[in-house]
Amino acid sequence: MELEILNDLKSYLGMDYDDSMESTLLFCVKRAILLFKSYRNYPSFYTEQMIENDMERCYACVWDLVLLQYVKNGVEFQNSHSESGTSRSWNSENEIFSMHRIVPIAGIC
């Protein structure tokens, strides 16, 4: 999944992409995947294939987490930013999960 998202991200960036960005983009992809897996809290009986299938089904959420990580690169932990008349604010990771209706997987002990 990492390479698929990385390639999609390169396509998304188009002419704004250059090879020097690849390690940063790959970091953003890895972080988003780890965050998604942590949030979903997959039970121990889930196989790697089950996890991969779930993540493919939730690709849009993972993609949005990657983009959030990318646009906040260098301004981590800021909720908003204002400079020279331009203001920016970001959704939180929790808002992205909510927007995509992603919830942790619960199990019965």
Protein backbone atom coordinates (compact mmCIF):
# COMPACT_ATOMS: atom_id res chain seq x y z
CA MET A 1 0.00 0.00 0.00
CA GLU A 2 2.90 2.36 0.75
CA LEU A 3 4.11 2.44 -2.83
CA GLU A 4 0.60 2.87 -4.22
CA ILE A 5 -0.04 5.90 -2.02
CA LEU A 6 3.43 7.29 -2.71
CA ASN A 7 2.87 7.04 -6.46
CA ASP A 8 -0.59 8.59 -6.14
CA LEU A 9 0.91 11.41 -4.10
CA LYS A 10 3.57 12.05 -6.74
CA SER A 11 0.84 12.19 -9.40
CA TYR A 12 -1.25 14.48 -7.21
CA LEU A 13 1.66 16.89 -6.77
CA GLY A 14 2.41 16.80 -10.49
CA MET A 15 4.92 19.45 -11.50
CA ASP A 16 5.38 20.49 -7.85
CA TYR A 17 7.09 17.13 -7.18
CA ASP A 18 10.82 16.57 -7.50
CA ASP A 19 12.97 13.59 -6.51
CA SER A 20 14.39 15.35 -3.44
CA MET A 21 10.92 15.15 -1.83
CA GLU A 22 10.64 11.36 -1.97
CA SER A 23 11.97 10.59 1.52
CA THR A 24 9.68 13.21 3.09
CA LEU A 25 6.68 11.88 1.19
CA LEU A 26 7.50 8.30 2.14
CA PHE A 27 7.72 9.36 5.79
CA CYS A 28 4.26 10.98 5.52
CA VAL A 29 2.85 7.79 3.97
CA LYS A 30 4.38 5.52 6.62
CA ARG A 31 3.17 7.75 9.43
CA ALA A 32 -0.38 7.85 8.07
CA ILE A 33 -0.49 4.06 7.70
CA LEU A 34 0.82 3.53 11.24
CA LEU A 35 -1.67 6.07 12.59
CA PHE A 36 -4.55 4.38 10.77
CA LYS A 37 -3.56 0.94 12.06
CA SER A 38 -3.19 2.26 15.59
CA TYR A 39 -6.56 4.01 15.47
CA ARG A 40 -8.34 0.94 14.11
CA ASN A 41 -6.77 -1.16 16.89
CA TYR A 42 -6.89 -4.37 14.89
CA PRO A 43 -7.49 -7.44 17.07
CA SER A 44 -4.70 -10.01 17.24
CA PHE A 45 -6.70 -12.51 15.15
CA TYR A 46 -6.70 -10.14 12.15
CA THR A 47 -4.36 -11.43 9.47
CA GLU A 48 -2.18 -9.10 7.41
CA GLN A 49 -4.53 -9.77 4.48
CA MET A 50 -7.57 -8.73 6.55
CA ILE A 51 -5.78 -5.53 7.59
CA GLU A 52 -4.72 -4.79 4.01
CA ASN A 53 -8.29 -5.34 2.76
CA ASP A 54 -9.66 -3.01 5.43
CA MET A 55 -7.10 -0.35 4.60
CA GLU A 56 -7.88 -0.62 0.87
CA ARG A 57 -11.56 -0.16 1.69
CA CYS A 58 -10.64 2.93 3.72
CA TYR A 59 -8.14 4.28 1.17
CA ALA A 60 -9.69 7.77 1.11
CA CYS A 61 -9.16 8.16 4.85
CA VAL A 62 -5.55 6.99 4.66
CA TRP A 63 -4.99 9.35 1.71
CA ASP A 64 -6.39 12.29 3.68
CA LEU A 65 -4.12 11.43 6.62
CA VAL A 66 -1.13 11.45 4.25
CA LEU A 67 -2.12 14.84 2.84
CA LEU A 68 -2.63 16.26 6.32
CA GLN A 69 0.83 15.08 7.34
CA TYR A 70 2.33 16.52 4.15
CA VAL A 71 0.75 19.99 4.36
CA LYS A 72 1.65 20.29 8.05
CA ASN A 73 5.27 19.32 7.37
CA GLY A 74 7.42 21.88 9.16
CA VAL A 75 4.55 23.31 11.20
CA GLU A 76 3.75 20.33 13.40
CA PHE A 77 1.45 20.90 16.36
CA GLN A 78 0.01 24.14 14.97
CA ASN A 79 -3.76 24.26 14.64
CA SER A 80 -3.67 27.44 12.61
CA HIS A 81 -1.16 29.71 10.94
CA SER A 82 -1.37 33.33 9.80
CA GLU A 83 1.25 35.20 7.84
CA SER A 84 1.15 38.19 5.48
CA GLY A 85 -2.64 38.21 5.34
CA THR A 86 -2.93 34.47 4.67
CA SER A 87 -4.55 32.30 7.33
CA ARG A 88 -4.55 28.52 7.42
CA SER A 89 -6.13 26.02 9.74
CA TRP A 90 -6.07 22.25 9.59
CA ASN A 91 -8.46 19.47 10.45
CA SER A 92 -7.26 17.22 13.21
CA GLU A 93 -6.59 13.56 12.56
CA ASN A 94 -9.67 12.74 14.64
CA GLU A 95 -11.80 14.94 12.37
CA ILE A 96 -10.53 13.02 9.36
CA PHE A 97 -11.46 9.70 10.97
CA SER A 98 -14.90 11.10 11.81
CA MET A 99 -15.42 12.53 8.32
CA HIS A 100 -14.79 9.07 6.85
CA ARG A 101 -16.82 7.35 9.58
CA ILE A 102 -13.85 5.28 10.70
CA VAL A 103 -14.10 3.85 14.21
CA PRO A 104 -11.79 1.60 16.21
CA ILE A 105 -12.54 -2.11 15.92
CA ALA A 106 -14.00 -3.39 19.17
CA GLY A 107 -13.87 -6.93 20.38
CA ILE A 108 -15.43 -8.86 23.19
CA CYS A 109 -13.01 -10.39 25.68
